[in-house]
Amino acid sequence: MTDATAAVSPLRRHMIDDMSLRNLSPPTQRSYIHADNRFSRHFSRSPELLGLEDVRAVRSI
């Protein structure tokens, strides 16, 4: 395991594993991870702490 993969959170690892199972291309996976990162930074909270109401809040902007 490299340093880059050792630093991946369990939630991120689960997301990557699910995307791989769905045969999403590596560029699509990077795009989704980037969007997830931006979403969590917008709320200044971990993705684990974000939910449906947060998604709705962003969609209404």
N, C-alpha and C. Protein backbone atom coordinates (compact mmCIF):
# COMPACT_ATOMS: atom_id res chain seq x y z
N MET A 1 0.85 -1.18 0.00
CA MET A 1 0.00 0.00 0.00
C MET A 1 0.89 1.24 0.00
N THR A 2 0.58 2.19 -0.87
CA THR A 2 1.39 3.40 -0.94
C THR A 2 0.89 4.42 0.07
N ASP A 3 1.66 5.49 0.25
CA ASP A 3 1.25 6.56 1.16
C ASP A 3 -0.06 7.18 0.71
N ALA A 4 -0.26 7.29 -0.59
CA ALA A 4 -1.49 7.91 -1.11
C ALA A 4 -2.72 7.08 -0.76
N THR A 5 -2.63 5.77 -0.86
CA THR A 5 -3.79 4.94 -0.53
C THR A 5 -3.95 4.74 0.97
N ALA A 6 -2.87 4.86 1.72
CA ALA A 6 -2.96 4.71 3.17
C ALA A 6 -3.72 5.87 3.79
N ALA A 7 -3.69 7.04 3.15
CA ALA A 7 -4.32 8.23 3.71
C ALA A 7 -5.81 8.34 3.36
N VAL A 8 -6.34 7.40 2.60
CA VAL A 8 -7.74 7.44 2.18
C VAL A 8 -8.63 7.02 3.35
N SER A 9 -9.66 7.82 3.61
CA SER A 9 -10.58 7.51 4.70
C SER A 9 -11.43 6.28 4.34
N PRO A 10 -11.98 5.62 5.33
CA PRO A 10 -12.85 4.47 5.04
C PRO A 10 -14.05 4.86 4.15
N LEU A 11 -14.59 6.04 4.37
CA LEU A 11 -15.72 6.49 3.55
C LEU A 11 -15.29 6.70 2.10
N ARG A 12 -14.15 7.32 1.88
CA ARG A 12 -13.64 7.53 0.52
C ARG A 12 -13.33 6.19 -0.13
N ARG A 13 -12.73 5.26 0.64
CA ARG A 13 -12.41 3.93 0.11
C ARG A 13 -13.69 3.22 -0.34
N HIS A 14 -14.75 3.33 0.47
CA HIS A 14 -16.04 2.72 0.14
C HIS A 14 -16.60 3.33 -1.15
N MET A 15 -16.50 4.64 -1.27
CA MET A 15 -16.98 5.34 -2.47
C MET A 15 -16.22 4.85 -3.70
N ILE A 16 -14.90 4.75 -3.61
CA ILE A 16 -14.08 4.29 -4.72
C ILE A 16 -14.41 2.85 -5.08
N ASP A 17 -14.56 2.01 -4.07
CA ASP A 17 -14.90 0.60 -4.31
C ASP A 17 -16.26 0.48 -5.02
N ASP A 18 -17.25 1.25 -4.57
CA ASP A 18 -18.57 1.22 -5.21
C ASP A 18 -18.50 1.70 -6.65
N MET A 19 -17.74 2.74 -6.91
CA MET A 19 -17.62 3.24 -8.28
C MET A 19 -16.90 2.23 -9.16
N SER A 20 -15.93 1.54 -8.61
CA SER A 20 -15.21 0.51 -9.38
C SER A 20 -16.13 -0.66 -9.71
N LEU A 21 -16.95 -1.07 -8.74
CA LEU A 21 -17.91 -2.15 -8.98
C LEU A 21 -18.90 -1.79 -10.08
N ARG A 22 -19.20 -0.51 -10.19
CA ARG A 22 -20.14 -0.04 -11.22
C ARG A 22 -19.44 0.25 -12.55
N ASN A 23 -18.15 -0.08 -12.60
CA ASN A 23 -17.34 0.10 -13.81
C ASN A 23 -17.28 1.55 -14.30
N LEU A 24 -17.26 2.48 -13.37
CA LEU A 24 -17.08 3.88 -13.75
C LEU A 24 -15.62 4.08 -14.15
N SER A 25 -15.41 4.88 -15.17
CA SER A 25 -14.05 5.10 -15.65
C SER A 25 -13.26 5.91 -14.62
N PRO A 26 -11.94 5.78 -14.64
CA PRO A 26 -11.11 6.57 -13.71
C PRO A 26 -11.37 8.08 -13.80
N PRO A 27 -11.53 8.68 -15.00
CA PRO A 27 -11.84 10.12 -15.02
C PRO A 27 -13.19 10.44 -14.36
N THR A 28 -14.18 9.57 -14.52
CA THR A 28 -15.48 9.78 -13.87
C THR A 28 -15.33 9.67 -12.36
N GLN A 29 -14.55 8.70 -11.90
CA GLN A 29 -14.32 8.55 -10.47
C GLN A 29 -13.64 9.79 -9.90
N ARG A 30 -12.63 10.30 -10.60
CA ARG A 30 -11.95 11.53 -10.14
C ARG A 30 -12.93 12.70 -10.08
N SER A 31 -13.80 12.80 -11.07
CA SER A 31 -14.78 13.87 -11.11
C SER A 31 -15.74 13.79 -9.92
N TYR A 32 -16.23 12.58 -9.62
CA TYR A 32 -17.14 12.40 -8.50
C TYR A 32 -16.46 12.70 -7.17
N ILE A 33 -15.22 12.26 -7.03
CA ILE A 33 -14.48 12.52 -5.80
C ILE A 33 -14.23 14.02 -5.64
N HIS A 34 -13.92 14.69 -6.74
CA HIS A 34 -13.72 16.14 -6.71
C HIS A 34 -15.02 16.84 -6.29
N ALA A 35 -16.15 16.41 -6.85
CA ALA A 35 -17.45 17.01 -6.49
C ALA A 35 -17.77 16.76 -5.02
N ASP A 36 -17.48 15.57 -4.54
CA ASP A 36 -17.71 15.24 -3.13
C ASP A 36 -16.86 16.13 -2.23
N ASN A 37 -15.61 16.34 -2.64
CA ASN A 37 -14.70 17.19 -1.88
C ASN A 37 -15.20 18.63 -1.83
N ARG A 38 -15.63 19.16 -2.97
CA ARG A 38 -16.14 20.54 -3.03
C ARG A 38 -17.41 20.68 -2.18
N PHE A 39 -18.28 19.67 -2.24
CA PHE A 39 -19.53 19.68 -1.48
C PHE A 39 -19.23 19.75 0.02
N SER A 40 -18.31 18.92 0.48
CA SER A 40 -17.99 18.92 1.92
C SER A 40 -17.28 20.21 2.33
N ARG A 41 -16.44 20.76 1.46
CA ARG A 41 -15.78 22.04 1.79
C ARG A 41 -16.79 23.18 1.85
N HIS A 42 -17.82 23.13 0.99
CA HIS A 42 -18.86 24.16 1.00
C HIS A 42 -19.52 24.26 2.38
N PHE A 43 -19.76 23.11 2.99
CA PHE A 43 -20.40 23.08 4.31
C PHE A 43 -19.41 23.01 5.46
N SER A 44 -18.11 22.94 5.15
CA SER A 44 -17.06 22.84 6.16
C SER A 44 -17.31 21.68 7.13
N ARG A 45 -17.77 20.56 6.55
CA ARG A 45 -18.02 19.36 7.36
C ARG A 45 -17.63 18.13 6.56
N SER A 46 -17.36 17.08 7.28
CA SER A 46 -17.05 15.80 6.66
C SER A 46 -18.26 15.30 5.88
N PRO A 47 -18.04 14.61 4.76
CA PRO A 47 -19.16 14.03 4.03
C PRO A 47 -19.99 13.07 4.89
N GLU A 48 -19.38 12.47 5.89
CA GLU A 48 -20.11 11.59 6.79
C GLU A 48 -21.20 12.32 7.56
N LEU A 49 -21.03 13.63 7.73
CA LEU A 49 -21.98 14.43 8.51
C LEU A 49 -23.00 15.16 7.65
N LEU A 50 -22.91 15.00 6.34
CA LEU A 50 -23.82 15.67 5.42
C LEU A 50 -24.94 14.74 5.00
N GLY A 51 -26.10 15.32 4.74
CA GLY A 51 -27.24 14.48 4.37
C GLY A 51 -28.12 15.10 3.31
N LEU A 52 -29.30 14.58 3.20
CA LEU A 52 -30.25 14.99 2.18
C LEU A 52 -30.60 16.47 2.27
N GLU A 53 -30.76 16.98 3.47
CA GLU A 53 -31.10 18.39 3.64
C GLU A 53 -29.99 19.29 3.09
N ASP A 54 -28.75 18.86 3.24
CA ASP A 54 -27.64 19.65 2.71
C ASP A 54 -27.66 19.64 1.18
N VAL A 55 -27.98 18.51 0.59
CA VAL A 55 -28.10 18.44 -0.88
C VAL A 55 -29.22 19.37 -1.34
N ARG A 56 -30.32 19.34 -0.65
CA ARG A 56 -31.45 20.20 -1.01
C ARG A 56 -31.09 21.67 -0.87
N ALA A 57 -30.29 22.00 0.14
CA ALA A 57 -29.89 23.39 0.34
C ALA A 57 -29.06 23.89 -0.83
N VAL A 58 -28.19 23.04 -1.35
CA VAL A 58 -27.34 23.44 -2.48
C VAL A 58 -28.17 23.51 -3.75
N ARG A 59 -29.11 22.63 -3.94
CA ARG A 59 -29.92 22.61 -5.16
C ARG A 59 -30.83 23.83 -5.24
N SER A 60 -31.17 24.43 -4.11
CA SER A 60 -32.09 25.56 -4.13
C SER A 60 -31.39 26.88 -4.37
N ILE A 61 -30.07 26.86 -4.47
CA ILE A 61 -29.32 28.11 -4.69
C ILE A 61 -29.44 28.53 -6.13
